[in-house]
Protein backbone atom coordinates (compact mmCIF):
# COMPACT_ATOMS: atom_id res chain seq x y z
CA MET A 1 0.10 0.01 -0.04
CA ASN A 2 3.06 2.48 0.82
CA ILE A 3 4.67 1.59 -2.20
CA LYS A 4 1.37 2.49 -4.33
CA LYS A 5 0.89 5.55 -2.47
CA ASN A 6 4.81 6.67 -2.94
CA LYS A 7 4.59 6.16 -6.82
CA ILE A 8 1.38 8.58 -6.74
CA LEU A 9 3.34 11.30 -5.03
CA ILE A 10 6.27 10.50 -7.67
CA TRP A 11 4.11 10.93 -10.71
CA VAL A 12 2.07 13.84 -9.25
CA THR A 13 5.40 15.69 -8.31
CA ILE A 14 6.54 14.82 -12.27
CA PHE A 15 3.56 15.99 -13.56
CA ALA A 16 3.71 19.29 -11.40
CA ILE A 17 7.27 20.00 -12.40
CA THR A 18 6.83 19.49 -16.28
CA MET A 19 3.66 21.67 -16.13
CA GLY A 20 5.55 24.36 -14.45
CA ILE A 21 8.05 23.81 -16.77
CA PHE A 22 5.35 24.28 -19.88
CA GLU A 23 4.06 27.46 -18.30
CA GLY A 24 7.40 28.82 -17.91
CA ALA A 25 8.21 27.99 -21.84
CA VAL A 26 4.76 29.96 -22.39
CA VAL A 27 5.99 32.99 -20.81
CA VAL A 28 9.56 32.86 -22.30
CA TYR A 29 7.90 32.84 -25.63
CA LEU A 30 5.33 35.83 -24.60
CA ARG A 31 8.29 38.01 -23.13
CA ALA A 32 10.25 37.43 -26.24
CA LEU A 33 7.24 38.73 -28.32
CA TYR A 34 6.39 41.87 -25.83
CA TYR A 35 9.41 42.27 -23.70
CA PRO A 36 12.24 41.51 -25.70
CA GLU A 37 14.52 43.87 -23.46
CA GLY A 38 13.16 42.16 -20.16
CA PHE A 39 9.90 42.54 -18.42
CA ASN A 40 8.96 45.41 -16.50
CA PHE A 41 5.80 47.48 -15.52
CA PRO A 42 3.83 49.23 -16.86
CA LEU A 43 2.45 46.19 -18.92
CA ILE A 44 2.71 46.33 -22.74
CA PRO A 45 -1.01 46.12 -24.19
CA LEU A 46 -1.53 42.82 -25.82
CA ASP A 47 -3.92 42.29 -28.57
CA ASN A 48 -7.51 41.17 -27.40
CA TYR A 49 -7.19 37.42 -28.73
CA ILE A 50 -3.78 37.00 -27.07
CA ALA A 51 -5.02 38.64 -23.80
CA ILE A 52 -8.38 36.48 -23.70
CA THR A 53 -6.17 33.25 -24.51
CA GLU A 54 -4.08 33.81 -21.43
CA LEU A 55 -7.09 34.28 -19.36
CA ILE A 56 -8.55 30.71 -20.73
CA ARG A 57 -4.72 29.47 -20.23
CA GLU A 58 -5.16 30.31 -16.48
CA LEU A 59 -8.33 28.84 -15.99
CA ALA A 60 -7.27 25.84 -17.89
CA SER A 61 -4.47 25.29 -15.86
CA LEU A 62 -6.27 25.33 -12.92
CA PHE A 63 -8.47 22.73 -14.18
CA MET A 64 -5.73 20.52 -15.16
CA LEU A 65 -4.05 20.57 -11.14
CA LEU A 66 -7.85 20.24 -10.41
CA SER A 67 -8.26 17.08 -12.59
CA VAL A 68 -4.85 15.60 -11.04
CA GLY A 69 -5.93 15.94 -7.37
CA ILE A 70 -9.30 14.09 -8.42
CA ILE A 71 -7.54 11.24 -10.30
CA ALA A 72 -4.65 10.84 -7.45
CA GLY A 73 -7.21 10.87 -4.16
CA LYS A 74 -9.74 8.51 -2.92
CA ASN A 75 -11.19 11.23 -0.88
CA PHE A 76 -12.06 15.06 -0.28
CA SER A 77 -9.04 15.30 1.97
CA GLN A 78 -6.46 13.40 -0.35
CA ARG A 79 -8.07 15.14 -3.48
CA PHE A 80 -7.50 18.52 -1.56
CA ALA A 81 -3.81 17.48 -0.99
CA TRP A 82 -3.16 16.51 -4.19
CA PHE A 83 -4.16 19.55 -5.89
CA ILE A 84 -2.75 22.09 -3.53
CA TYR A 85 0.84 19.95 -3.77
CA SER A 86 0.79 20.06 -7.79
CA PHE A 87 -0.48 23.56 -7.51
CA ALA A 88 2.71 24.83 -5.32
CA VAL A 89 5.02 22.50 -6.91
CA TRP A 90 3.90 24.12 -10.01
CA ASP A 91 4.56 27.40 -8.95
CA ILE A 92 7.77 27.30 -7.36
CA ILE A 93 9.13 24.84 -10.91
CA TYR A 94 7.59 28.00 -12.91
CA TYR A 95 9.96 30.52 -11.02
CA MET A 96 12.96 28.20 -11.27
CA PHE A 97 12.51 27.81 -14.84
CA LEU A 98 12.50 31.34 -16.14
CA TRP A 99 15.32 32.12 -13.76
CA LEU A 100 17.52 29.32 -15.58
CA ILE A 101 16.37 30.83 -18.72
CA LEU A 102 16.24 34.45 -18.61
CA ALA A 103 17.72 34.97 -15.44
CA TRP A 104 14.57 36.52 -14.14
CA PRO A 105 13.41 37.22 -11.43
CA GLU A 106 16.49 39.17 -10.52
CA ASN A 107 15.90 38.65 -6.66
CA LEU A 108 12.72 37.20 -4.69
CA LEU A 109 11.68 41.10 -3.77
CA THR A 110 10.98 41.35 -7.89
CA TRP A 111 7.38 42.25 -8.48
CA ASP A 112 5.37 39.73 -10.84
CA ILE A 113 1.93 39.75 -11.99
CA LEU A 114 0.80 36.51 -10.28
CA PHE A 115 -2.43 35.98 -11.62
CA LEU A 116 -5.51 37.85 -13.77
CA LEU A 117 -8.63 36.41 -12.15
CA PRO A 118 -11.08 37.94 -11.36
CA VAL A 119 -8.73 40.84 -11.61
CA THR A 120 -4.87 41.63 -11.53
CA TRP A 121 -2.86 40.23 -8.73
CA THR A 122 0.62 41.25 -8.18
CA GLY A 123 3.19 41.23 -5.75
CA PRO A 124 6.99 39.97 -5.01
CA VAL A 125 8.06 36.60 -6.03
CA ILE A 126 8.57 35.70 -2.68
CA ALA A 127 5.30 35.97 -1.67
CA PRO A 128 3.61 33.02 -3.60
CA ILE A 129 6.62 30.92 -2.98
CA LEU A 130 6.01 31.08 0.69
CA ILE A 131 2.28 30.55 0.26
CA SER A 132 3.69 27.52 -2.07
CA MET A 133 5.51 26.13 1.00
CA LEU A 134 2.38 26.28 3.41
CA MET A 135 0.69 24.30 0.47
CA ILE A 136 3.25 21.77 0.46
CA LEU A 137 3.56 21.58 4.25
CA LEU A 138 -0.29 20.98 4.35
CA ALA A 139 -0.28 18.65 1.67
CA MET A 140 2.14 16.48 3.43
CA ILE A 141 0.68 16.44 6.61
CA ILE A 142 -2.60 14.77 4.88
CA TYR A 143 -0.20 12.55 2.91
CA HIS A 144 1.78 11.58 6.05
CA PHE A 145 -1.55 10.46 8.09
CA ASN A 146 -3.34 8.78 5.25
CA LEU A 147 -0.03 6.74 4.65
CA LYS A 148 0.09 5.76 8.37
CA SER A 149 -2.38 2.72 8.73
CA ASN A 150 -4.22 4.07 5.91
CA PHE A 151 -5.48 7.16 8.18
CA GLN A 152 -8.07 9.04 6.56
CA VAL A 153 -7.62 12.89 7.66
CA LYS A 154 -10.26 15.20 8.03
CA ILE A 155 -10.37 18.92 8.19
CA SER A 156 -12.65 20.62 10.73
CA ARG A 157 -14.94 23.20 10.25
CA LYS A 158 -13.29 25.34 12.47
CA GLU A 159 -9.97 24.66 10.51
CA TRP A 160 -11.71 25.13 7.21
CA ILE A 161 -12.79 28.69 8.60
CA ILE A 162 -9.17 29.34 9.68
CA LEU A 163 -7.65 28.21 6.30
CA ILE A 164 -10.23 30.29 4.27
CA LEU A 165 -10.10 33.25 6.20
CA GLY A 166 -6.25 33.30 6.08
CA SER A 167 -6.28 32.74 2.38
CA PHE A 168 -8.76 35.46 1.56
CA ILE A 169 -6.45 37.71 3.53
CA VAL A 170 -3.48 37.04 1.41
CA PHE A 171 -5.68 37.24 -1.67
CA VAL A 172 -6.77 40.67 -0.15
CA SER A 173 -2.72 41.55 0.09
CA PHE A 174 -2.23 40.47 -3.45
CA ILE A 175 -4.99 42.64 -5.21
CA TRP A 176 -4.55 45.78 -2.60
CA ASP A 177 -2.28 47.70 -4.53
CA TYR A 178 -3.84 47.31 -7.90
CA CYS A 179 -7.14 47.79 -6.67
CA ARG A 180 -6.14 51.15 -4.66
CA PHE A 181 -4.45 52.40 -8.17
CA LEU A 182 -7.89 51.85 -9.77
CA PHE A 183 -9.68 53.20 -7.13
CA LYS A 184 -7.87 56.15 -7.33
CA ASN A 185 -8.16 56.65 -10.93
CA ILE A 186 -11.79 55.73 -11.43
CA SER A 187 -14.80 57.95 -10.41
CA LEU A 188 -18.16 56.39 -9.14
CA TYR A 189 -19.76 58.09 -12.21
CA GLU A 190 -16.85 55.90 -14.80
CA LEU A 191 -17.63 52.75 -12.70
CA GLN A 192 -21.24 53.37 -13.95
CA ASN A 193 -20.49 54.19 -17.45
CA LYS A 194 -20.64 52.20 -20.52
CA SER A 195 -16.83 53.46 -20.97
CA PHE A 196 -15.88 51.61 -18.22
CA SER A 197 -13.95 48.73 -19.84
CA ASP A 198 -12.28 50.88 -21.75
CA LYS A 199 -11.06 52.76 -18.92
CA LEU A 200 -9.98 50.04 -17.22
CA PHE A 201 -7.82 49.11 -20.38
CA ASP A 202 -6.38 52.37 -20.32
CA LEU A 203 -5.45 52.23 -16.71
CA SER A 204 -3.96 48.34 -16.93
CA VAL A 205 -1.34 49.57 -19.19
CA LYS A 206 -0.20 52.40 -16.81
CA TYR A 207 -0.39 50.35 -13.57
CA ILE A 208 3.22 50.53 -11.66
CA PRO A 209 3.16 48.64 -8.52
CA VAL A 210 4.15 50.96 -5.83
CA SER A 211 3.78 49.17 -2.31
CA PHE A 212 2.81 45.43 -1.03
CA ASN A 213 0.75 45.25 1.89
CA TRP A 214 3.01 42.79 3.84
CA LEU A 215 1.30 43.46 7.02
CA LEU A 216 -2.00 42.05 5.39
CA PHE A 217 0.20 39.26 3.68
CA LEU A 218 1.99 38.04 6.93
CA SER A 219 -1.00 38.27 9.02
CA GLY A 220 -3.03 35.85 6.24
CA PHE A 221 0.21 33.54 6.09
CA LEU A 222 0.46 33.25 9.92
CA ILE A 223 -3.45 32.39 9.95
CA ILE A 224 -3.02 29.65 7.74
CA PHE A 225 0.05 28.26 9.54
CA PHE A 226 -1.93 28.30 12.66
CA GLY A 227 -4.54 26.28 11.04
CA ILE A 228 -2.05 23.86 9.68
CA ILE A 229 -0.84 23.19 13.14
CA LEU A 230 -4.59 22.70 14.43
CA ILE A 231 -4.92 19.98 11.75
CA TYR A 232 -1.68 18.44 12.61
CA ASN A 233 -2.05 18.34 16.12
CA ARG A 234 -5.70 16.92 16.21
CA ASN A 235 -5.01 14.18 13.69
CA LYS A 236 -1.99 13.32 15.52
CA GLU A 237 -4.06 12.65 18.44
CA VAL A 238 -6.92 10.89 16.71
CA CYS A 239 -4.31 8.64 14.80
């Protein structure tokens, strides 16, 4: 049984690594086309079909990772663990690949666009890497207890609330600077106007990150970490 489960860990890891390389390769191509002298803010306007393709690609990437979790796991906690594990490994390998090919990011405090849905997420590279490490930690805790005597890990309602709260705070920290920029440059009238989408597009290519809300991010990070500790301690007692 343990050998079989270790095979799952190996193959999910291989999938996540290769997916990170594929995602990194796409970015290499895009930067060669749009940022031949190196990526930096403000963003260069993309053709509409390229921008739409990027959004679809991001959504498809999430479904790919979710599919792996569903296939690899036998119950909800296992599927959740494999999903966040593959997501985290993918994210870390993605940055490693870009650094090897493009020598980017220059350092862990380099700003990056992290995600585009539902709005633009930005932050220093170290922030998503830290969250990825938390995700790997939680996934390995679930994996460990499932491996031990075939024990099924369960996350309590209280623990879910803590994890979701921490994740939401981290999410707000990622969109904080961008949303502050939008609210500063868009009036209430423009929000209700039909030309809002045009205004939003014009602003998006002028946006330059100013400051990352470390207080929010670290608060969310610590809340998630606290939730993981609760999960570990409770399941350790049960097991």
